[in-house]
Amino acid sequence: MYDPTRLAALVAVAEAGSITRAATRLGYTAPALSQQIAKLEREAGAALLVRHHRGARLTAAGELLVGRARRILDEMDLARHELTRLSGLSGGRLRVGTFTTAGIHLLPPVLSAFRRAHPDVELAVTEYEPPDGVAAVAAGEVDLALTHVYEPAAAASWPSGVFAEPLLVEELVLITAVGQMLSEGTGRLPVTELAGRPLISSAPTHPPRRGVEQALAEAGATPAVVCESPGYALVCALVSAGIGMAVVPEMVAAMSSTPLSVRRLEPASFRRTISMVHRGNRASAAAATLQALLRSGFGRAASAQRPGGEGG
């Protein structure tokens, strides 16, 4: 095994082109650094440097070892970094933002797994209606947040230093009261079939839904009730009572506490993407660990739920 300190000394000489300059950079005396290189040469069983009046250059063996040494030292730096991050899981606080649907149906089992593995980390959960969770991450109010975007929608800009990682994509589906005419059939229903029919419009001024509401209006869907709550429990209750129909995410339809009929729409481009918002490699050890659990947990949720309660 080569001593990492001696490998670092060889790399420093290769980069500086001189034992004297490398010694200054590393805080050694030139003789002390020469001794490190000599010991490394004995370990390697080959001359690694050729000294000349302007400094030193690598031999073929030295070139080979420097290439390997750089990779070894990079891996050791990465290991030290990861161990430092892991040490942050022995305490501290993890602040999580979520919107209602994810907070009720998707986040709890993930947080439960995190708590079992890291009971000393204090958890704080705050509800944000999208896109407010994005701003909370950017402002440092939470370590990460779950948010969503709907399609169709106008393109949105993200704050600098904030990253969105999609976790789950779900279609928007039509929900009606049980037994209504549009609930019949198993094929996809063209959106144009909603023309002239009473629609419960879900918070049309709410930014995430604005594009969807506009597309439904262009298809001729007539708002019968404007439900200004971004939460979906009230929408589902109104639909179940036969007051109108609505277009909601699959998860909302599947987990509604009131009886509903569900029909998929054509085109299938009406959808909602649930994403995890974080600060990239600036995330704490606890936040990075929860990110990994979310990736795994949401993958299982996507396969388990067909189609996809309450919330926006």
Protein backbone atom coordinates (compact mmCIF):
# COMPACT_ATOMS: atom_id res chain seq x y z
CA MET A 1 0.00 0.00 0.00
CA TYR A 2 1.28 3.43 -0.90
CA ASP A 3 1.19 6.10 1.79
CA PRO A 4 -1.40 8.76 0.77
CA THR A 5 0.84 11.52 2.15
CA ARG A 6 3.65 10.46 -0.18
CA LEU A 7 1.25 10.18 -3.12
CA ALA A 8 0.07 13.73 -2.43
CA ALA A 9 3.73 14.84 -2.32
CA LEU A 10 4.39 13.31 -5.74
CA VAL A 11 1.30 14.96 -7.23
CA ALA A 12 2.41 18.31 -5.78
CA VAL A 13 5.85 17.98 -7.38
CA ALA A 14 4.27 17.04 -10.71
CA GLU A 15 2.05 20.11 -10.59
CA ALA A 16 4.74 22.51 -9.34
CA GLY A 17 7.55 21.14 -11.53
CA SER A 18 10.00 21.52 -8.68
CA ILE A 19 10.62 19.94 -5.28
CA THR A 20 11.34 23.37 -3.80
CA ARG A 21 8.09 24.92 -5.06
CA ALA A 22 6.08 21.85 -4.06
CA ALA A 23 7.63 21.90 -0.57
CA THR A 24 6.62 25.55 -0.14
CA ARG A 25 3.06 24.74 -1.22
CA LEU A 26 2.77 21.82 1.21
CA GLY A 27 4.54 23.46 4.13
CA TYR A 28 7.56 21.12 4.05
CA THR A 29 11.25 21.85 3.78
CA ALA A 30 12.75 20.73 0.47
CA PRO A 31 14.90 18.01 2.12
CA ALA A 32 11.88 16.63 3.99
CA LEU A 33 9.85 16.45 0.78
CA SER A 34 12.77 14.77 -1.00
CA GLN A 35 12.77 12.12 1.72
CA GLN A 36 9.03 11.49 1.14
CA ILE A 37 9.63 11.04 -2.59
CA ALA A 38 12.60 8.73 -1.93
CA LYS A 39 10.46 6.52 0.33
CA LEU A 40 7.74 6.42 -2.32
CA GLU A 41 10.31 5.38 -4.93
CA ARG A 42 11.39 2.52 -2.70
CA GLU A 43 7.74 1.46 -2.29
CA ALA A 44 7.24 1.64 -6.06
CA GLY A 45 10.53 -0.07 -6.88
CA ALA A 46 11.23 2.51 -9.60
CA ALA A 47 12.59 6.03 -10.06
CA LEU A 48 9.68 8.48 -10.19
CA LEU A 49 11.50 11.79 -10.75
CA VAL A 50 14.40 13.02 -12.83
CA ARG A 51 15.97 16.07 -11.18
CA HIS A 52 17.52 18.78 -13.34
CA HIS A 53 18.78 22.34 -12.84
CA ARG A 54 15.35 23.89 -13.42
CA GLY A 55 13.46 21.49 -11.14
CA ALA A 56 12.18 17.94 -11.64
CA ARG A 57 10.17 15.99 -14.16
CA LEU A 58 8.32 12.71 -13.94
CA THR A 59 9.68 9.47 -15.33
CA ALA A 60 7.33 7.10 -17.15
CA ALA A 61 6.74 5.31 -13.85
CA GLY A 62 6.12 8.65 -12.18
CA GLU A 63 3.55 9.64 -14.83
CA LEU A 64 1.70 6.36 -14.33
CA LEU A 65 1.66 6.65 -10.55
CA VAL A 66 0.58 10.31 -10.57
CA GLY A 67 -2.44 9.44 -12.72
CA ARG A 68 -3.47 6.73 -10.29
CA ALA A 69 -2.64 8.86 -7.26
CA ARG A 70 -4.95 11.66 -8.35
CA ARG A 71 -7.88 9.25 -8.57
CA ILE A 72 -7.02 7.71 -5.19
CA LEU A 73 -6.75 11.12 -3.51
CA ASP A 74 -10.02 12.29 -5.11
CA GLU A 75 -11.81 9.20 -3.78
CA MET A 76 -10.38 9.79 -0.30
CA ASP A 77 -11.55 13.41 -0.37
CA LEU A 78 -15.01 12.24 -1.41
CA ALA A 79 -15.07 9.67 1.39
CA ARG A 80 -14.09 12.33 3.95
CA HIS A 81 -16.82 14.61 2.62
CA GLU A 82 -19.47 11.89 2.82
CA LEU A 83 -18.40 10.88 6.34
CA THR A 84 -18.67 14.51 7.41
CA ARG A 85 -22.20 14.66 5.96
CA LEU A 86 -23.17 11.46 7.74
CA SER A 87 -21.98 12.84 11.04
CA GLY A 88 -24.70 15.48 10.73
CA LEU A 89 -27.34 12.77 11.22
CA SER A 90 -26.62 12.38 14.92
CA GLY A 91 -28.64 15.48 15.74
CA GLY A 92 -29.81 18.76 14.28
CA ARG A 93 -33.06 19.68 12.59
CA LEU A 94 -34.61 18.83 9.25
CA ARG A 95 -37.23 21.25 7.91
CA VAL A 96 -39.55 19.92 5.22
CA GLY A 97 -42.14 21.75 3.15
CA THR A 98 -45.06 19.97 1.49
CA PHE A 99 -48.43 20.54 -0.14
CA THR A 100 -51.55 18.84 1.18
CA THR A 101 -51.93 15.80 -1.10
CA ALA A 102 -48.30 14.75 -0.74
CA GLY A 103 -48.28 15.66 2.95
CA ILE A 104 -51.21 13.33 3.68
CA HIS A 105 -50.72 10.44 1.30
CA LEU A 106 -47.03 10.25 0.33
CA LEU A 107 -44.77 11.98 2.84
CA PRO A 108 -45.69 10.25 6.15
CA PRO A 109 -44.24 6.78 5.37
CA VAL A 110 -41.04 8.40 4.10
CA LEU A 111 -40.68 10.50 7.25
CA SER A 112 -41.45 7.43 9.34
CA ALA A 113 -38.56 5.55 7.70
CA PHE A 114 -36.28 8.55 8.28
CA ARG A 115 -37.28 8.78 11.95
CA ARG A 116 -36.62 5.08 12.54
CA ALA A 117 -33.13 5.39 11.06
CA HIS A 118 -32.24 8.76 12.59
CA PRO A 119 -34.30 9.32 15.77
CA ASP A 120 -32.06 12.14 17.03
CA VAL A 121 -32.86 14.47 14.11
CA GLU A 122 -35.70 16.88 14.91
CA LEU A 123 -38.33 16.99 12.15
CA ALA A 124 -40.36 20.08 11.27
CA VAL A 125 -43.04 19.98 8.54
CA THR A 126 -44.66 23.10 7.08
CA GLU A 127 -47.48 23.18 4.55
CA TYR A 128 -47.03 25.41 1.49
CA GLU A 129 -49.41 25.75 -1.39
CA PRO A 130 -47.30 25.53 -4.56
CA PRO A 131 -45.32 27.36 -5.69
CA ASP A 132 -44.69 28.88 -2.23
CA GLY A 133 -42.53 25.91 -1.18
CA VAL A 134 -40.02 26.77 -3.91
CA ALA A 135 -39.60 30.26 -2.48
CA ALA A 136 -39.24 28.79 1.02
CA VAL A 137 -36.33 26.61 -0.12
CA ALA A 138 -34.70 29.55 -1.89
CA ALA A 139 -35.04 31.68 1.27
CA GLY A 140 -33.61 28.94 3.51
CA GLU A 141 -36.86 28.59 5.46
CA VAL A 142 -36.93 24.83 4.77
CA ASP A 143 -34.24 22.35 3.73
CA LEU A 144 -36.34 20.81 0.98
CA ALA A 145 -39.93 20.92 -0.20
CA LEU A 146 -42.42 18.95 -2.25
CA THR A 147 -44.19 20.97 -4.90
CA HIS A 148 -46.10 20.39 -8.11
CA VAL A 149 -46.68 21.87 -11.54
CA TYR A 150 -49.62 21.27 -13.86
CA GLU A 151 -49.69 20.90 -17.63
CA PRO A 152 -50.71 22.63 -19.75
CA ALA A 153 -49.08 25.66 -18.18
CA ALA A 154 -46.91 28.62 -19.05
CA ALA A 155 -43.19 28.10 -18.48
CA ALA A 156 -42.07 29.09 -14.98
CA SER A 157 -38.65 30.31 -13.85
CA TRP A 158 -36.82 28.87 -10.83
CA PRO A 159 -34.81 30.84 -8.28
CA SER A 160 -31.05 30.65 -8.63
CA GLY A 161 -29.47 27.78 -6.69
CA VAL A 162 -32.75 25.85 -6.36
CA PHE A 163 -33.17 22.52 -8.13
CA ALA A 164 -36.38 20.62 -8.91
CA GLU A 165 -36.21 16.83 -9.21
CA PRO A 166 -39.38 15.16 -10.57
CA LEU A 167 -40.60 12.28 -8.41
CA LEU A 168 -44.02 11.37 -9.78
CA VAL A 169 -46.03 12.24 -12.90
CA GLU A 170 -49.78 11.62 -12.86
CA GLU A 171 -52.50 12.27 -15.39
CA LEU A 172 -55.43 14.57 -14.74
CA VAL A 173 -58.70 12.65 -14.93
CA LEU A 174 -62.39 13.54 -15.09
CA ILE A 175 -64.43 12.82 -11.97
CA THR A 176 -68.21 12.72 -11.97
CA ALA A 177 -70.97 11.58 -9.65
CA VAL A 178 -71.57 7.84 -9.82
CA GLY A 179 -74.00 6.94 -12.59
CA GLN A 180 -73.64 10.11 -14.65
CA MET A 181 -73.55 9.63 -18.41
CA LEU A 182 -69.90 10.60 -18.91
CA SER A 183 -68.84 7.99 -16.37
CA GLU A 184 -69.93 5.24 -18.73
CA GLY A 185 -67.38 3.54 -20.94
CA THR A 186 -63.78 2.54 -20.42
CA GLY A 187 -62.05 4.41 -23.23
CA ARG A 188 -60.53 7.85 -23.00
CA LEU A 189 -62.99 10.73 -23.19
CA PRO A 190 -62.06 13.57 -25.57
CA VAL A 191 -61.80 16.85 -23.68
CA THR A 192 -64.12 18.39 -26.27
CA GLU A 193 -66.92 16.19 -24.83
CA LEU A 194 -66.88 18.48 -21.79
CA ALA A 195 -68.25 21.38 -23.87
CA GLY A 196 -71.40 22.81 -22.32
CA ARG A 197 -71.24 20.53 -19.31
CA PRO A 198 -71.13 21.92 -15.74
CA LEU A 199 -67.57 22.03 -14.47
CA ILE A 200 -66.43 22.68 -10.92
CA SER A 201 -63.59 25.06 -11.61
CA SER A 202 -60.75 24.50 -9.15
CA ALA A 203 -59.38 27.87 -8.07
CA PRO A 204 -59.00 29.31 -11.60
CA THR A 205 -56.82 32.16 -10.34
CA HIS A 206 -54.43 29.77 -8.61
CA PRO A 207 -51.10 29.80 -10.54
CA PRO A 208 -50.56 26.02 -10.84
CA ARG A 209 -54.09 25.45 -12.20
CA ARG A 210 -54.34 28.49 -14.46
CA GLY A 211 -53.18 26.77 -17.65
CA VAL A 212 -55.44 23.76 -17.08
CA GLU A 213 -58.47 25.96 -16.43
CA GLN A 214 -57.79 27.95 -19.60
CA ALA A 215 -57.47 24.77 -21.69
CA LEU A 216 -60.76 23.44 -20.31
CA ALA A 217 -62.47 26.76 -21.05
CA GLU A 218 -61.16 26.65 -24.63
CA ALA A 219 -62.64 23.15 -24.92
CA GLY A 220 -66.03 24.61 -23.96
CA ALA A 221 -66.31 23.35 -20.38
CA THR A 222 -68.69 25.69 -18.59
CA PRO A 223 -67.86 26.71 -14.99
CA ALA A 224 -70.90 25.84 -12.89
CA VAL A 225 -69.19 26.38 -9.54
CA VAL A 226 -65.94 28.19 -8.84
CA CYS A 227 -64.27 26.52 -5.88
CA GLU A 228 -61.70 29.00 -4.61
CA SER A 229 -60.06 26.50 -2.28
CA PRO A 230 -56.91 24.92 -3.76
CA GLY A 231 -57.71 21.84 -1.64
CA TYR A 232 -59.47 19.03 -3.47
CA ALA A 233 -61.58 17.48 -0.68
CA LEU A 234 -64.31 20.08 -1.20
CA VAL A 235 -64.16 19.68 -4.98
CA CYS A 236 -64.64 15.91 -4.66
CA ALA A 237 -67.57 16.36 -2.26
CA LEU A 238 -69.32 18.76 -4.66
CA VAL A 239 -68.79 16.38 -7.57
CA SER A 240 -70.05 13.40 -5.59
CA ALA A 241 -73.22 15.38 -4.77
CA GLY A 242 -73.91 15.79 -8.51
CA ILE A 243 -73.33 19.55 -8.61
CA GLY A 244 -70.82 19.29 -11.44
CA MET A 245 -67.76 17.46 -12.68
CA ALA A 246 -64.09 18.27 -12.27
CA VAL A 247 -60.65 17.52 -13.67
CA VAL A 248 -58.27 16.46 -10.91
CA PRO A 249 -55.02 14.48 -10.46
CA GLU A 250 -55.26 10.68 -10.43
CA MET A 251 -54.19 10.50 -6.79
CA VAL A 252 -56.99 12.82 -5.74
CA ALA A 253 -59.57 10.69 -7.54
CA ALA A 254 -58.24 7.41 -6.15
CA MET A 255 -58.07 8.59 -2.55
CA SER A 256 -61.29 10.57 -2.35
CA SER A 257 -63.40 9.86 0.73
CA THR A 258 -66.60 10.38 -1.32
CA PRO A 259 -67.86 8.02 -4.07
CA LEU A 260 -66.86 9.10 -7.58
CA SER A 261 -66.65 7.80 -11.12
CA VAL A 262 -63.37 8.32 -12.94
CA ARG A 263 -62.67 8.66 -16.65
CA ARG A 264 -59.34 9.23 -18.38
CA LEU A 265 -59.11 12.09 -20.84
CA GLU A 266 -57.84 12.51 -24.38
CA PRO A 267 -55.32 14.01 -24.89
CA ALA A 268 -53.28 12.54 -22.04
CA SER A 269 -51.14 15.67 -21.87
CA PHE A 270 -53.22 17.01 -18.96
CA ARG A 271 -51.03 16.04 -16.01
CA ARG A 272 -49.38 17.00 -12.73
CA THR A 273 -45.72 16.51 -11.88
CA ILE A 274 -44.75 16.24 -8.22
CA SER A 275 -41.17 17.33 -7.62
CA MET A 276 -38.68 17.56 -4.78
CA VAL A 277 -37.09 21.01 -4.51
CA HIS A 278 -33.69 21.33 -2.85
CA ARG A 279 -30.41 23.27 -2.90
CA GLY A 280 -28.29 20.67 -4.70
CA ASN A 281 -24.93 19.81 -3.17
CA ARG A 282 -25.46 22.46 -0.47
CA ALA A 283 -27.99 20.16 1.20
CA SER A 284 -27.32 19.02 4.76
CA ALA A 285 -26.63 15.37 5.56
CA ALA A 286 -30.19 14.96 6.85
CA ALA A 287 -31.71 16.60 3.77
CA ALA A 288 -29.60 14.44 1.43
CA THR A 289 -30.73 11.31 3.27
CA LEU A 290 -34.39 12.29 3.04
CA GLN A 291 -33.95 13.02 -0.67
CA ALA A 292 -32.82 9.42 -1.21
CA LEU A 293 -35.79 8.10 0.76
CA LEU A 294 -38.19 10.27 -1.24
CA ARG A 295 -36.83 8.95 -4.53
CA SER A 296 -37.42 5.41 -3.35
CA GLY A 297 -40.72 6.05 -1.59
CA PHE A 298 -42.34 7.95 -4.43
CA GLY A 299 -41.30 5.28 -6.89
CA ARG A 300 -43.20 2.70 -4.84
CA ALA A 301 -46.18 5.07 -4.51
CA ALA A 302 -46.34 5.52 -8.28
CA SER A 303 -46.48 1.77 -8.86
CA ALA A 304 -48.98 1.16 -6.04
CA GLN A 305 -51.57 3.81 -6.89
CA ARG A 306 -53.71 3.46 -9.99
CA PRO A 307 -55.35 5.95 -10.53
CA GLY A 308 -53.93 8.87 -8.05
CA GLY A 309 -57.67 12.60 -1.34
CA GLU A 310 -57.50 15.70 -0.21
CA GLY A 311 -55.38 18.63 -1.11
CA GLY A 312 -53.80 20.58 -3.83
